């Protein structure tokens, strides 16, 4: 029996109980901080030699130099060619959908623009891609070819010319599907390294690993701490927390479907969080029964059990509108609106302001978004959907303001700038503008 707390919004201590269950301590262990500091310093000082040393130690391999940890395009193509036809087809279909979505995203928001004022002054914005990005792909407890697609394809669509991937290969075992995904997604080069040493190598560069402009992709606590430390030297996407799913259900979806949707995030790790919001006590009970029946079929049953018991929540709301309000307070990574009537589901979706991704209708399982729907599955966690967005083409581009002031425009703008600059006590600023005025 899995014991998941049941909260009701009518109970006096609901807010306190909810907050206690949502709380996640994301502070980094002092030992991890010390280790990451030492690793980054070693990589900066000794480059390839330090990367090889730490890779041999942590991934239990025995290589002499970085050449043994470097994969070429030929290696990636070979991995793809050796896949079975079913895997090849699935990988290519998923990649095409992800690419099409990000092409549309790029067309909508990734274009330069400008306008010309009456006096001939031109103002606008120039959008340009980053030169080189680093993609971190986990390779420890599980392998994630889907993460390769979600990180590399938007970078490729954005126009990044050099995409470098790092992926640890514990015990020297290389996952062919991960390497094939790198081939399909357009990755330029792969290094079979991971951990803080891989992040440091990407941030500062070594004789073999080129330094990048930005590092994206999830990893363990050491990777997260290393990304935190190198931010400023390079850009990063986010510091990702545990996976999350929140399901708003009206009771019309088969309970087994919702139970399995909750499992889909709980099976990631013991710290993942799965939440159900529903006005019907009877339906919540049906889902709870389905959870206890279906858990016996799950290969990762113990991970799911620990996640649900330690962090899962079942919440009975007054109505669906209140469920939407609570969802906005939580700002989950994945939000399912499991309602049979799609028009009604969209009405509820209109009320959602804070969520990494919104899955509308009972046929839209979160797992489809993880692999092949098209939108990116790299999403804000731990409530950061209140102020941040999914990984996208825009993360691999930068924007430069364009200002081209005409002679006539300088007469107007110069007087304004002069007045404000004198007000700030910055005389050189004022004089710089005044020198361009026809009558001083």
Protein backbone atom coordinates (compact mmCIF):
# COMPACT_ATOMS: atom_id res chain seq x y z
CA UNK A 1 0.00 0.00 0.00
CA UNK A 2 1.41 3.37 -1.04
CA UNK A 3 0.56 6.05 1.49
CA UNK A 4 0.06 9.36 -0.37
CA UNK A 5 -1.23 12.28 1.73
CA UNK A 6 -4.74 13.47 0.86
CA UNK A 7 -5.29 17.18 1.35
CA UNK A 8 -8.56 19.06 0.96
CA UNK A 9 -8.71 22.78 0.27
CA UNK A 10 -11.40 23.13 2.95
CA UNK A 11 -9.15 21.96 5.79
CA UNK A 12 -7.93 24.72 8.09
CA UNK A 13 -4.23 24.00 7.65
CA UNK A 14 -4.32 23.38 3.89
CA UNK A 15 -1.85 26.12 2.94
CA UNK A 16 0.68 25.02 5.56
CA UNK A 17 0.32 21.35 4.68
CA UNK A 18 0.67 22.03 0.96
CA UNK A 19 3.76 24.21 1.40
CA UNK A 20 5.42 21.60 3.60
CA UNK A 21 4.87 18.95 0.96
CA UNK A 22 6.08 21.19 -1.86
CA UNK A 23 9.26 22.20 -0.05
CA UNK A 24 12.42 20.95 -1.67
CA UNK A 25 15.86 21.68 -0.26
CA UNK A 26 17.99 22.54 -3.27
CA UNK A 27 21.02 23.63 -1.26
CA UNK A 28 24.21 21.92 -2.33
CA UNK A 29 26.01 19.58 0.04
CA UNK A 30 29.28 21.08 1.30
CA UNK A 31 31.16 17.99 0.14
CA UNK A 32 29.85 18.43 -3.40
CA UNK A 33 30.83 22.10 -3.39
CA UNK A 34 34.38 21.26 -2.29
CA UNK A 35 34.75 18.45 -4.81
CA UNK A 36 33.44 20.56 -7.70
CA UNK A 37 35.75 23.44 -6.78
CA UNK A 38 38.76 21.11 -6.84
CA UNK A 39 37.73 19.50 -10.15
CA UNK A 40 37.16 22.82 -11.91
CA UNK A 41 40.49 24.18 -10.64
CA UNK A 42 42.29 21.03 -11.82
CA UNK A 43 40.75 21.17 -15.29
CA UNK A 44 41.61 24.86 -15.64
CA UNK A 45 45.19 24.18 -14.59
CA UNK A 46 45.89 20.84 -16.27
CA UNK A 47 43.31 20.63 -19.06
CA UNK A 48 43.07 17.28 -20.85
CA UNK A 49 45.20 15.47 -18.26
CA UNK A 50 42.77 16.34 -15.47
CA UNK A 51 39.74 15.42 -17.59
CA UNK A 52 41.25 12.02 -18.36
CA UNK A 53 42.20 11.48 -14.70
CA UNK A 54 38.71 12.22 -13.37
CA UNK A 55 36.99 10.29 -16.16
CA UNK A 56 39.09 7.22 -15.38
CA UNK A 57 38.25 7.56 -11.70
CA UNK A 58 34.53 8.33 -11.84
CA UNK A 59 33.48 6.36 -14.94
CA UNK A 60 35.71 3.37 -14.19
CA UNK A 61 37.49 3.40 -17.54
CA UNK A 62 41.18 3.12 -18.35
CA UNK A 63 42.23 5.45 -21.14
CA UNK A 64 45.55 7.15 -21.75
CA UNK A 65 44.41 10.36 -23.46
CA UNK A 66 41.48 12.36 -24.80
CA UNK A 67 41.65 10.71 -28.19
CA UNK A 68 40.05 7.62 -26.66
CA UNK A 69 37.21 9.80 -25.33
CA UNK A 70 36.51 11.63 -28.60
CA UNK A 71 33.86 10.48 -31.09
CA UNK A 72 33.71 11.62 -34.71
CA UNK A 73 30.84 12.01 -37.15
CA UNK A 74 31.78 8.59 -38.53
CA UNK A 75 31.31 7.09 -35.07
CA UNK A 76 27.88 8.69 -34.72
CA UNK A 77 26.78 7.57 -38.19
CA UNK A 78 27.97 4.04 -37.44
CA UNK A 79 25.84 4.00 -34.27
CA UNK A 80 22.82 5.14 -36.29
CA UNK A 81 23.39 2.61 -39.08
CA UNK A 82 23.56 -0.24 -36.57
CA UNK A 83 20.14 0.51 -35.06
CA UNK A 84 17.15 -1.65 -35.91
CA UNK A 85 14.65 -0.20 -38.36
CA UNK A 86 12.01 0.38 -35.68
CA UNK A 87 14.41 2.48 -33.58
CA UNK A 88 15.69 4.34 -36.64
CA UNK A 89 12.16 5.24 -37.71
CA UNK A 90 11.11 6.35 -34.22
CA UNK A 91 14.24 8.45 -33.76
CA UNK A 92 13.87 10.16 -37.14
CA UNK A 93 10.13 10.77 -36.63
CA UNK A 94 10.71 12.33 -33.21
CA UNK A 95 13.57 14.46 -34.55
CA UNK A 96 11.45 15.71 -37.46
CA UNK A 97 8.61 16.77 -35.13
CA UNK A 98 11.00 18.49 -32.71
CA UNK A 99 12.73 20.24 -35.62
CA UNK A 100 9.45 21.41 -37.20
CA UNK A 101 8.26 22.88 -33.90
CA UNK A 102 11.48 24.80 -33.35
CA UNK A 103 11.55 26.04 -36.95
CA UNK A 104 8.10 27.53 -36.33
CA UNK A 105 9.36 29.00 -33.06
CA UNK A 106 12.34 30.53 -34.84
CA UNK A 107 10.12 32.07 -37.52
CA UNK A 108 7.89 33.58 -34.85
CA UNK A 109 10.51 35.04 -32.52
CA UNK A 110 14.00 34.55 -33.93
CA UNK A 111 14.09 37.19 -36.64
CA UNK A 112 15.85 40.55 -36.73
CA UNK A 113 13.62 43.60 -37.12
CA UNK A 114 13.84 47.37 -37.52
CA UNK A 115 11.77 50.46 -38.26
CA UNK A 116 12.61 53.87 -39.68
CA UNK A 117 11.38 57.06 -38.07
CA UNK A 118 10.28 60.11 -40.06
CA UNK A 119 13.66 61.81 -39.69
CA UNK A 120 15.52 58.78 -41.08
CA UNK A 121 16.66 57.32 -37.75
CA UNK A 122 16.69 53.53 -37.86
CA UNK A 123 16.04 51.49 -34.72
CA UNK A 124 15.78 47.75 -34.37
CA UNK A 125 17.20 44.51 -33.14
CA UNK A 126 19.65 42.08 -34.72
CA UNK A 127 19.26 38.41 -33.81
CA UNK A 128 22.35 36.24 -34.19
CA UNK A 129 23.11 32.68 -33.11
CA UNK A 130 25.74 31.71 -30.58
CA UNK A 131 28.94 30.40 -32.17
CA UNK A 132 29.40 27.24 -30.11
CA UNK A 133 27.31 25.47 -27.47
CA UNK A 134 27.94 22.52 -25.20
CA UNK A 135 25.25 19.92 -24.55
CA UNK A 136 25.44 17.76 -21.43
CA UNK A 137 23.63 14.43 -21.75
CA UNK A 138 23.29 12.22 -18.64
CA UNK A 139 24.74 8.74 -18.91
CA UNK A 140 24.62 7.29 -15.42
CA UNK A 141 21.42 5.68 -14.09
CA UNK A 142 19.80 5.89 -17.52
CA UNK A 143 20.51 7.05 -21.06
CA UNK A 144 18.45 9.80 -22.65
CA UNK A 145 18.48 10.02 -26.47
CA UNK A 146 15.43 12.27 -26.18
CA UNK A 147 17.55 14.83 -24.30
CA UNK A 148 19.99 14.87 -27.22
CA UNK A 149 17.18 15.79 -29.63
CA UNK A 150 15.67 18.41 -27.31
CA UNK A 151 18.98 20.18 -26.68
CA UNK A 152 20.74 19.88 -30.04
CA UNK A 153 17.90 20.45 -32.51
CA UNK A 154 16.86 23.94 -31.31
CA UNK A 155 20.53 24.93 -31.29
CA UNK A 156 20.84 23.69 -34.86
CA UNK A 157 17.66 25.50 -35.93
CA UNK A 158 18.90 28.68 -34.24
CA UNK A 159 21.96 28.63 -36.49
CA UNK A 160 24.64 27.50 -34.03
CA UNK A 161 27.53 26.25 -36.19
CA UNK A 162 29.39 24.15 -33.61
CA UNK A 163 27.45 21.84 -31.27
CA UNK A 164 29.64 19.90 -28.82
CA UNK A 165 28.12 17.06 -26.80
CA UNK A 166 29.52 15.47 -23.65
CA UNK A 167 28.11 12.23 -22.28
CA UNK A 168 29.60 10.02 -19.57
CA UNK A 169 30.02 6.33 -20.38
CA UNK A 170 30.40 4.50 -17.04
CA UNK A 171 32.49 1.35 -17.41
CA UNK A 172 33.12 2.36 -21.00
CA UNK A 173 29.61 1.38 -22.15
CA UNK A 174 28.38 3.60 -24.98
CA UNK A 175 24.65 3.77 -25.63
CA UNK A 176 24.12 3.43 -29.40
CA UNK A 177 20.72 5.17 -29.34
CA UNK A 178 22.24 8.25 -27.67
CA UNK A 179 25.01 8.41 -30.27
CA UNK A 180 22.54 7.84 -33.09
CA UNK A 181 20.40 10.68 -31.74
CA UNK A 182 23.46 12.93 -31.83
CA UNK A 183 23.92 12.02 -35.51
CA UNK A 184 20.27 12.71 -36.35
CA UNK A 185 20.25 16.00 -34.39
CA UNK A 186 23.33 17.44 -36.08
CA UNK A 187 25.85 17.31 -33.23
CA UNK A 188 29.34 18.13 -34.53
CA UNK A 189 31.52 16.35 -31.99
CA UNK A 190 31.07 14.11 -28.94
CA UNK A 191 33.33 13.55 -25.95
CA UNK A 192 32.59 10.60 -23.69
CA UNK A 193 33.18 12.55 -20.49
CA UNK A 194 30.82 13.68 -17.77
CA UNK A 195 30.54 15.23 -14.34
CA UNK A 196 32.03 18.51 -13.17
CA UNK A 197 35.15 17.84 -15.26
CA UNK A 198 33.10 17.87 -18.48
CA UNK A 199 31.39 21.14 -17.51
CA UNK A 200 34.74 22.71 -16.66
CA UNK A 201 36.27 21.53 -19.95
CA UNK A 202 33.40 23.07 -21.92
CA UNK A 203 33.55 26.32 -19.97
CA UNK A 204 37.30 26.92 -20.06
CA UNK A 205 38.48 24.72 -22.91
CA UNK A 206 41.38 22.26 -23.05
CA UNK A 207 43.79 21.26 -25.78
CA UNK A 208 41.11 18.87 -27.07
CA UNK A 209 37.75 20.20 -25.85
CA UNK A 210 36.86 23.64 -27.30
CA UNK A 211 35.40 26.22 -24.94
CA UNK A 212 31.76 27.03 -25.63
CA UNK A 213 29.51 30.06 -25.22
CA UNK A 214 26.73 28.26 -23.37
CA UNK A 215 26.17 24.91 -21.62
CA UNK A 216 22.73 23.27 -21.61
CA UNK A 217 21.35 19.95 -20.46
CA UNK A 218 20.54 18.18 -17.17
CA UNK A 219 22.88 16.27 -14.88
CA UNK A 220 23.42 15.14 -11.29
CA UNK A 221 24.23 17.33 -8.28
CA UNK A 222 27.89 17.64 -9.30
CA UNK A 223 26.92 18.78 -12.80
CA UNK A 224 24.38 21.28 -11.43
CA UNK A 225 26.93 22.73 -9.01
CA UNK A 226 29.56 22.95 -11.76
CA UNK A 227 27.11 24.79 -14.05
CA UNK A 228 26.36 27.16 -11.19
CA UNK A 229 30.09 27.82 -10.70
CA UNK A 230 30.96 28.47 -14.35
CA UNK A 231 27.97 30.72 -15.03
CA UNK A 232 29.36 34.09 -16.07
CA UNK A 233 32.25 32.51 -17.90
CA UNK A 234 29.60 30.87 -20.08
CA UNK A 235 25.83 30.98 -20.23
CA UNK A 236 23.72 28.12 -18.85
CA UNK A 237 20.14 27.11 -19.45
CA UNK A 238 18.98 26.52 -15.87
CA UNK A 239 19.73 24.65 -12.66
CA UNK A 240 17.21 21.84 -12.96
CA UNK A 241 15.50 20.32 -9.95
CA UNK A 242 13.64 17.00 -9.69
CA UNK A 243 10.97 16.14 -12.28
CA UNK A 244 7.39 17.21 -11.58
CA UNK A 245 3.91 16.46 -12.89
CA UNK A 246 0.63 17.99 -11.81
CA UNK A 247 -2.64 16.55 -13.14
CA UNK A 248 -5.90 18.51 -12.98
CA UNK A 249 -8.68 15.96 -13.54
CA UNK A 250 -12.46 16.29 -13.65
CA UNK A 251 -13.00 12.58 -13.06
CA UNK A 252 -13.83 11.62 -16.65
CA UNK A 253 -10.46 10.08 -17.57
CA UNK A 254 -9.90 6.37 -16.79
CA UNK A 255 -8.19 6.21 -13.40
CA UNK A 256 -5.50 3.88 -14.74
CA UNK A 257 -4.45 6.54 -17.27
CA UNK A 258 -3.97 9.19 -14.60
CA UNK A 259 -2.20 6.77 -12.24
CA UNK A 260 0.28 5.91 -14.98
CA UNK A 261 0.76 9.59 -15.81
CA UNK A 262 1.72 10.17 -12.17
CA UNK A 263 4.11 7.21 -12.40
CA UNK A 264 5.72 8.67 -15.52
CA UNK A 265 7.52 11.33 -13.51
CA UNK A 266 7.81 9.43 -10.24
CA UNK A 267 9.93 6.79 -11.97
CA UNK A 268 12.65 9.35 -12.79
CA UNK A 269 13.98 9.43 -9.25
CA UNK A 270 12.98 9.35 -5.61
CA UNK A 271 12.82 13.15 -5.38
CA UNK A 272 10.38 13.56 -8.29
CA UNK A 273 6.97 14.99 -7.43
CA UNK A 274 3.53 13.85 -8.68
CA UNK A 275 0.37 15.77 -7.75
CA UNK A 276 -3.31 15.18 -8.53
CA UNK A 277 -5.93 17.94 -8.21
CA UNK A 278 -9.59 16.94 -8.52
CA UNK A 279 -12.95 18.04 -7.06
CA UNK A 280 -14.20 14.43 -6.74
CA UNK A 281 -13.24 12.43 -3.64
CA UNK A 282 -14.57 9.29 -5.32
CA UNK A 283 -12.32 9.75 -8.33
CA UNK A 284 -9.27 10.45 -6.19
CA UNK A 285 -9.98 7.17 -4.42
CA UNK A 286 -10.21 5.39 -7.81
CA UNK A 287 -6.82 6.79 -8.84
CA UNK A 288 -5.30 5.76 -5.50
CA UNK A 289 -6.61 2.22 -5.98
CA UNK A 290 -5.20 2.17 -9.52
CA UNK A 291 -1.81 3.30 -8.19
CA UNK A 292 -1.67 0.43 -5.72
CA UNK A 293 -2.78 -2.08 -8.33
CA UNK A 294 -0.47 -0.93 -11.14
CA UNK A 295 2.66 -0.40 -9.05
CA UNK A 296 3.30 -4.16 -9.05
CA UNK A 297 3.79 -4.06 -12.83
CA UNK A 298 6.49 -1.38 -12.77
CA UNK A 299 10.17 -2.33 -13.17
CA UNK A 300 11.09 0.82 -11.22
CA UNK A 301 8.45 0.18 -8.56
CA UNK A 302 10.64 1.06 -5.58
CA UNK A 303 11.67 4.41 -7.09
CA UNK A 304 8.02 5.21 -7.84
CA UNK A 305 6.91 4.11 -4.38
CA UNK A 306 9.50 6.26 -2.62
CA UNK A 307 8.70 9.28 -4.78
CA UNK A 308 4.95 9.06 -4.22
CA UNK A 309 5.21 8.40 -0.48
CA UNK A 310 7.74 11.15 0.18
CA UNK A 311 6.61 13.85 -2.25
CA UNK A 312 3.30 12.83 -3.88
CA UNK A 313 0.09 14.73 -3.09
CA UNK A 314 -3.60 14.05 -3.72
CA UNK A 315 -5.68 17.23 -3.39
CA UNK A 316 -9.46 17.48 -3.35
CA UNK A 317 -10.55 20.93 -4.52
CA UNK A 318 -13.89 22.70 -4.33
CA UNK A 319 -14.09 22.85 -8.11
CA UNK A 320 -11.96 22.87 -11.26
CA UNK A 321 -11.43 26.62 -11.14
CA UNK A 322 -9.87 26.30 -7.70
CA UNK A 323 -7.69 23.50 -9.05
CA UNK A 324 -6.38 25.92 -11.69
CA UNK A 325 -5.66 28.53 -9.02
CA UNK A 326 -3.64 26.04 -6.96
CA UNK A 327 -1.78 24.89 -10.06
CA UNK A 328 -0.71 28.49 -10.66
CA UNK A 329 0.58 28.66 -7.08
CA UNK A 330 2.64 25.51 -7.60
CA UNK A 331 3.88 26.45 -11.12
CA UNK A 332 4.71 22.85 -12.11
CA UNK A 333 7.12 21.62 -14.74
CA UNK A 334 4.44 19.49 -16.47
CA UNK A 335 0.73 20.26 -16.14
CA UNK A 336 -1.93 17.90 -17.52
CA UNK A 337 -5.55 19.05 -17.85
CA UNK A 338 -7.21 15.67 -18.03
CA UNK A 339 -10.70 16.54 -19.21
CA UNK A 340 -12.79 14.70 -21.84
CA UNK A 341 -14.33 17.84 -23.37
CA UNK A 342 -11.43 19.48 -25.25
CA UNK A 343 -13.22 22.85 -25.44
CA UNK A 344 -13.66 22.81 -21.67
CA UNK A 345 -10.04 21.70 -21.23
CA UNK A 346 -8.93 24.72 -23.26
CA UNK A 347 -11.05 26.98 -21.06
CA UNK A 348 -9.17 25.72 -18.02
CA UNK A 349 -5.87 26.06 -19.89
CA UNK A 350 -6.66 29.74 -20.43
CA UNK A 351 -6.59 30.15 -16.63
CA UNK A 352 -3.08 28.73 -16.32
CA UNK A 353 -0.37 31.38 -16.05
CA UNK A 354 2.52 29.38 -14.62
CA UNK A 355 3.58 26.01 -16.04
CA UNK A 356 6.55 24.73 -18.01
CA UNK A 357 4.33 22.81 -20.44
CA UNK A 358 0.54 22.40 -20.56
CA UNK A 359 -0.92 19.12 -21.84
CA UNK A 360 -4.56 19.63 -22.83
CA UNK A 361 -7.15 16.85 -22.98
CA UNK A 362 -7.21 13.30 -21.70
CA UNK A 363 -5.38 11.86 -24.72
CA UNK A 364 -2.39 14.16 -24.21
CA UNK A 365 -0.12 12.22 -21.88
CA UNK A 366 2.97 14.00 -20.61
CA UNK A 367 5.13 11.20 -21.99
CA UNK A 368 4.30 12.27 -25.56
CA UNK A 369 5.88 15.64 -24.79
CA UNK A 370 8.98 13.94 -23.42
CA UNK A 371 9.69 12.16 -26.69
CA UNK A 372 7.97 13.21 -29.85
CA UNK A 373 5.16 15.80 -29.69
CA UNK A 374 7.56 18.54 -30.78
CA UNK A 375 7.79 21.18 -28.03
CA UNK A 376 10.89 21.04 -25.88
CA UNK A 377 10.97 18.79 -22.84
CA UNK A 378 13.66 20.84 -21.05
CA UNK A 379 11.40 22.77 -18.68
CA UNK A 380 11.62 24.96 -15.57
CA UNK A 381 11.21 23.10 -12.28
CA UNK A 382 10.77 23.88 -8.56
CA UNK A 383 8.30 26.71 -9.18
CA UNK A 384 10.60 28.58 -11.57
CA UNK A 385 7.93 28.40 -14.27
CA UNK A 386 6.70 31.60 -12.57
CA UNK A 387 9.51 33.46 -14.34
CA UNK A 388 11.24 31.17 -16.82
CA UNK A 389 10.42 29.24 -19.98
CA UNK A 390 11.11 25.96 -21.78
CA UNK A 391 14.41 25.60 -23.60
CA UNK A 392 14.00 26.96 -27.11
CA UNK A 393 15.61 28.47 -30.16
CA UNK A 394 15.82 31.79 -28.28
CA UNK A 395 18.23 30.20 -25.78
CA UNK A 396 20.78 29.75 -28.55
CA UNK A 397 20.52 33.26 -29.93
CA UNK A 398 21.48 36.67 -28.67
CA UNK A 399 20.06 40.05 -29.51
CA UNK A 400 21.92 43.24 -30.38
CA UNK A 401 20.17 46.60 -30.41
CA UNK A 402 20.47 48.50 -33.70
CA UNK A 403 20.66 52.32 -33.48
CA UNK A 404 21.35 54.42 -36.58
CA UNK A 405 20.58 58.07 -35.86
CA UNK A 406 20.20 60.46 -38.78
CA UNK A 407 21.60 64.01 -38.76
CA UNK A 408 18.11 65.35 -38.27
CA UNK A 409 17.38 62.84 -35.53
CA UNK A 410 20.55 63.83 -33.68
CA UNK A 411 19.17 67.36 -33.27
CA UNK A 412 16.21 66.09 -31.28
CA UNK A 413 17.81 63.20 -29.43
CA UNK A 414 20.96 65.18 -28.65
CA UNK A 415 19.05 67.82 -26.68
CA UNK A 416 17.17 65.15 -24.72
CA UNK A 417 20.36 63.22 -23.95
CA UNK A 418 22.21 66.42 -22.97
CA UNK A 419 19.55 67.40 -20.48
CA UNK A 420 19.45 63.98 -18.84
CA UNK A 421 23.25 63.58 -18.82
CA UNK A 422 23.75 66.95 -17.09
CA UNK A 423 21.11 65.86 -14.59
CA UNK A 424 23.21 62.80 -13.80
CA UNK A 425 26.40 64.82 -13.56
CA UNK A 426 27.98 63.05 -16.57
CA UNK A 427 29.42 65.97 -18.52
CA UNK A 428 31.24 63.95 -21.19
CA UNK A 429 27.99 62.17 -22.04
CA UNK A 430 26.29 65.53 -22.47
CA UNK A 431 29.11 67.04 -24.52
CA UNK A 432 29.23 63.96 -26.79
CA UNK A 433 25.59 64.59 -27.72
CA UNK A 434 25.94 68.40 -27.89
CA UNK A 435 28.87 68.32 -30.37
CA UNK A 436 26.51 66.89 -32.99
CA UNK A 437 23.98 69.71 -32.64
CA UNK A 438 24.02 72.25 -35.47
CA UNK A 439 23.52 75.21 -33.13
CA UNK A 440 25.24 74.85 -29.78
